[in-house]
N, C-alpha and C. Protein backbone atom coordinates (compact mmCIF):
# COMPACT_ATOMS: atom_id res chain seq x y z
N MET A 1 0.84 -1.17 0.00
CA MET A 1 0.00 0.00 0.00
C MET A 1 0.89 1.24 0.00
N PRO A 2 0.73 2.12 -0.96
CA PRO A 2 1.54 3.35 -1.01
C PRO A 2 1.29 4.24 0.21
N VAL A 3 2.35 4.88 0.65
CA VAL A 3 2.27 5.82 1.76
C VAL A 3 2.85 7.15 1.28
N LYS A 4 2.15 8.23 1.52
CA LYS A 4 2.65 9.54 1.12
C LYS A 4 3.65 10.03 2.16
N VAL A 5 4.80 10.52 1.67
CA VAL A 5 5.86 11.02 2.54
C VAL A 5 6.20 12.44 2.09
N THR A 6 6.30 13.33 3.06
CA THR A 6 6.72 14.70 2.78
C THR A 6 8.03 14.92 3.51
N MET A 7 9.00 15.50 2.80
CA MET A 7 10.29 15.76 3.44
C MET A 7 10.95 16.97 2.83
N ASN A 8 11.86 17.55 3.57
CA ASN A 8 12.64 18.67 3.09
C ASN A 8 13.93 18.15 2.49
N LEU A 9 14.26 18.62 1.30
CA LEU A 9 15.47 18.20 0.62
C LEU A 9 16.44 19.37 0.50
N THR A 10 17.71 19.07 0.65
CA THR A 10 18.74 20.08 0.41
C THR A 10 18.88 20.27 -1.09
N GLU A 11 19.56 21.31 -1.48
CA GLU A 11 19.82 21.54 -2.91
C GLU A 11 20.58 20.37 -3.50
N GLN A 12 21.51 19.80 -2.73
CA GLN A 12 22.27 18.64 -3.20
C GLN A 12 21.35 17.43 -3.40
N ASP A 13 20.40 17.24 -2.49
CA ASP A 13 19.43 16.15 -2.64
C ASP A 13 18.61 16.31 -3.92
N VAL A 14 18.18 17.53 -4.19
CA VAL A 14 17.40 17.81 -5.40
C VAL A 14 18.24 17.53 -6.64
N GLN A 15 19.48 17.97 -6.64
CA GLN A 15 20.37 17.72 -7.78
C GLN A 15 20.60 16.23 -7.98
N ASN A 16 20.81 15.49 -6.87
CA ASN A 16 21.00 14.04 -6.98
C ASN A 16 19.76 13.35 -7.53
N THR A 17 18.58 13.79 -7.09
CA THR A 17 17.33 13.21 -7.58
C THR A 17 17.16 13.46 -9.06
N GLU A 18 17.43 14.68 -9.50
CA GLU A 18 17.31 15.01 -10.92
C GLU A 18 18.31 14.21 -11.75
N LYS A 19 19.53 14.11 -11.26
CA LYS A 19 20.57 13.35 -11.96
C LYS A 19 20.17 11.88 -12.10
N LEU A 20 19.71 11.29 -10.99
CA LEU A 20 19.30 9.88 -11.03
C LEU A 20 18.06 9.67 -11.90
N THR A 21 17.13 10.62 -11.85
CA THR A 21 15.93 10.51 -12.68
C THR A 21 16.32 10.42 -14.15
N ASN A 22 17.27 11.25 -14.57
CA ASN A 22 17.74 11.22 -15.95
C ASN A 22 18.52 9.95 -16.26
N MET A 23 19.41 9.54 -15.36
CA MET A 23 20.25 8.36 -15.60
C MET A 23 19.43 7.07 -15.62
N LEU A 24 18.39 7.01 -14.78
CA LEU A 24 17.56 5.81 -14.68
C LEU A 24 16.37 5.83 -15.65
N HIS A 25 16.21 6.96 -16.35
CA HIS A 25 15.07 7.14 -17.25
C HIS A 25 13.77 6.89 -16.50
N SER A 26 13.71 7.39 -15.27
CA SER A 26 12.53 7.20 -14.43
C SER A 26 11.37 8.04 -14.93
N ARG A 27 10.17 7.55 -14.69
CA ARG A 27 8.97 8.27 -15.11
C ARG A 27 8.64 9.42 -14.17
N SER A 28 9.21 9.38 -12.95
CA SER A 28 8.95 10.45 -11.99
C SER A 28 10.04 10.46 -10.92
N LYS A 29 10.08 11.54 -10.17
CA LYS A 29 11.04 11.61 -9.06
C LYS A 29 10.68 10.60 -7.97
N ALA A 30 9.38 10.33 -7.80
CA ALA A 30 8.95 9.32 -6.83
C ALA A 30 9.48 7.94 -7.22
N ALA A 31 9.44 7.63 -8.51
CA ALA A 31 9.97 6.35 -8.99
C ALA A 31 11.48 6.28 -8.77
N THR A 32 12.15 7.41 -8.95
CA THR A 32 13.59 7.48 -8.72
C THR A 32 13.91 7.20 -7.26
N VAL A 33 13.19 7.83 -6.35
CA VAL A 33 13.42 7.61 -4.92
C VAL A 33 13.13 6.16 -4.55
N SER A 34 12.07 5.59 -5.11
CA SER A 34 11.73 4.20 -4.85
C SER A 34 12.86 3.27 -5.30
N THR A 35 13.40 3.52 -6.49
CA THR A 35 14.52 2.71 -6.99
C THR A 35 15.75 2.87 -6.11
N ALA A 36 16.04 4.09 -5.70
CA ALA A 36 17.20 4.34 -4.84
C ALA A 36 17.06 3.61 -3.51
N LEU A 37 15.85 3.60 -2.94
CA LEU A 37 15.62 2.87 -1.69
C LEU A 37 15.80 1.37 -1.88
N SER A 38 15.32 0.84 -2.99
CA SER A 38 15.47 -0.59 -3.27
C SER A 38 16.94 -0.98 -3.43
N VAL A 39 17.68 -0.17 -4.17
CA VAL A 39 19.11 -0.44 -4.36
C VAL A 39 19.85 -0.37 -3.03
N THR A 40 19.55 0.64 -2.23
CA THR A 40 20.21 0.79 -0.93
C THR A 40 19.87 -0.37 -0.01
N ALA A 41 18.62 -0.81 0.00
CA ALA A 41 18.22 -1.95 0.84
C ALA A 41 18.95 -3.22 0.41
N THR A 42 19.10 -3.43 -0.89
CA THR A 42 19.81 -4.60 -1.39
C THR A 42 21.28 -4.56 -0.98
N ILE A 43 21.91 -3.41 -1.14
CA ILE A 43 23.31 -3.26 -0.75
C ILE A 43 23.47 -3.48 0.75
N ALA A 44 22.59 -2.90 1.55
CA ALA A 44 22.66 -3.05 3.01
C ALA A 44 22.52 -4.52 3.41
N GLU A 45 21.62 -5.24 2.75
CA GLU A 45 21.43 -6.67 3.05
C GLU A 45 22.68 -7.47 2.72
N ILE A 46 23.27 -7.22 1.57
CA ILE A 46 24.50 -7.93 1.17
C ILE A 46 25.62 -7.66 2.17
N LEU A 47 25.80 -6.40 2.54
CA LEU A 47 26.87 -6.03 3.47
C LEU A 47 26.62 -6.60 4.86
N SER A 48 25.36 -6.61 5.30
CA SER A 48 25.05 -7.13 6.63
C SER A 48 25.30 -8.62 6.73
N GLN A 49 25.31 -9.31 5.59
CA GLN A 49 25.57 -10.75 5.56
C GLN A 49 27.04 -11.06 5.29
N GLY A 50 27.87 -10.03 5.36
CA GLY A 50 29.30 -10.24 5.20
C GLY A 50 29.82 -10.08 3.78
N GLY A 51 28.96 -9.70 2.85
CA GLY A 51 29.39 -9.50 1.47
C GLY A 51 30.18 -8.21 1.31
N ASP A 52 30.78 -8.04 0.15
CA ASP A 52 31.54 -6.84 -0.17
C ASP A 52 30.91 -6.16 -1.38
N LEU A 53 31.08 -4.87 -1.45
CA LEU A 53 30.64 -4.08 -2.59
C LEU A 53 31.89 -3.67 -3.35
N MET A 54 32.02 -4.17 -4.56
CA MET A 54 33.22 -3.92 -5.36
C MET A 54 32.85 -3.11 -6.60
N ILE A 55 33.78 -2.26 -7.02
CA ILE A 55 33.62 -1.54 -8.27
C ILE A 55 34.81 -1.83 -9.16
N ARG A 56 34.55 -1.88 -10.44
CA ARG A 56 35.63 -2.06 -11.41
C ARG A 56 35.86 -0.72 -12.09
N ASN A 57 37.08 -0.21 -11.98
CA ASN A 57 37.44 1.05 -12.60
C ASN A 57 37.60 0.87 -14.11
N SER A 58 37.63 1.97 -14.83
CA SER A 58 37.75 1.91 -16.29
C SER A 58 39.04 1.25 -16.74
N ASP A 59 40.07 1.24 -15.87
CA ASP A 59 41.33 0.57 -16.23
C ASP A 59 41.31 -0.92 -15.87
N GLY A 60 40.18 -1.42 -15.35
CA GLY A 60 40.05 -2.83 -15.02
C GLY A 60 40.40 -3.17 -13.57
N SER A 61 40.99 -2.23 -12.83
CA SER A 61 41.33 -2.49 -11.44
C SER A 61 40.05 -2.51 -10.59
N MET A 62 40.13 -3.24 -9.48
CA MET A 62 38.97 -3.39 -8.59
C MET A 62 39.23 -2.66 -7.28
N GLU A 63 38.17 -2.10 -6.72
CA GLU A 63 38.24 -1.45 -5.42
C GLU A 63 37.06 -1.89 -4.58
N ARG A 64 37.29 -2.03 -3.28
CA ARG A 64 36.21 -2.32 -2.34
C ARG A 64 35.61 -0.99 -1.91
N LEU A 65 34.31 -0.87 -2.02
CA LEU A 65 33.62 0.35 -1.66
C LEU A 65 33.12 0.23 -0.22
N ILE A 66 33.46 1.20 0.60
CA ILE A 66 33.03 1.22 1.99
C ILE A 66 32.09 2.41 2.16
N ILE A 67 30.90 2.15 2.74
CA ILE A 67 29.91 3.19 2.94
C ILE A 67 29.89 3.54 4.43
N THR A 68 30.26 4.76 4.74
CA THR A 68 30.30 5.21 6.13
C THR A 68 28.91 5.11 6.74
N GLY A 69 28.85 4.55 7.93
CA GLY A 69 27.58 4.43 8.65
C GLY A 69 26.81 3.15 8.33
N MET A 70 27.27 2.38 7.36
CA MET A 70 26.58 1.14 7.00
C MET A 70 26.97 0.04 7.96
N GLN A 71 26.02 -0.80 8.31
CA GLN A 71 26.26 -1.93 9.21
C GLN A 71 26.87 -3.08 8.42
N TYR A 72 28.09 -3.45 8.75
CA TYR A 72 28.76 -4.56 8.07
C TYR A 72 28.69 -5.80 8.94
N GLY A 73 28.41 -6.94 8.34
CA GLY A 73 28.29 -8.19 9.09
C GLY A 73 29.59 -8.96 9.11
N LYS A 74 29.57 -10.02 9.88
CA LYS A 74 30.67 -11.00 10.00
C LYS A 74 31.98 -10.32 10.18
């Protein structure tokens, strides 16, 4: 069941939402926020179970991404 949420956003939050809306080709800012929450929940679940978040740089090298404030398991 959808729930209406009202919140204050900083200028940076607004810019991030607009950027993600364009990058994700979202139909609305609400859809963008929903996608961002889903991605964050998935990442949090993986990390809480002891997984790692890795990124591959354009040169092929790999880095472990650490998110400050995130609960890491194991």
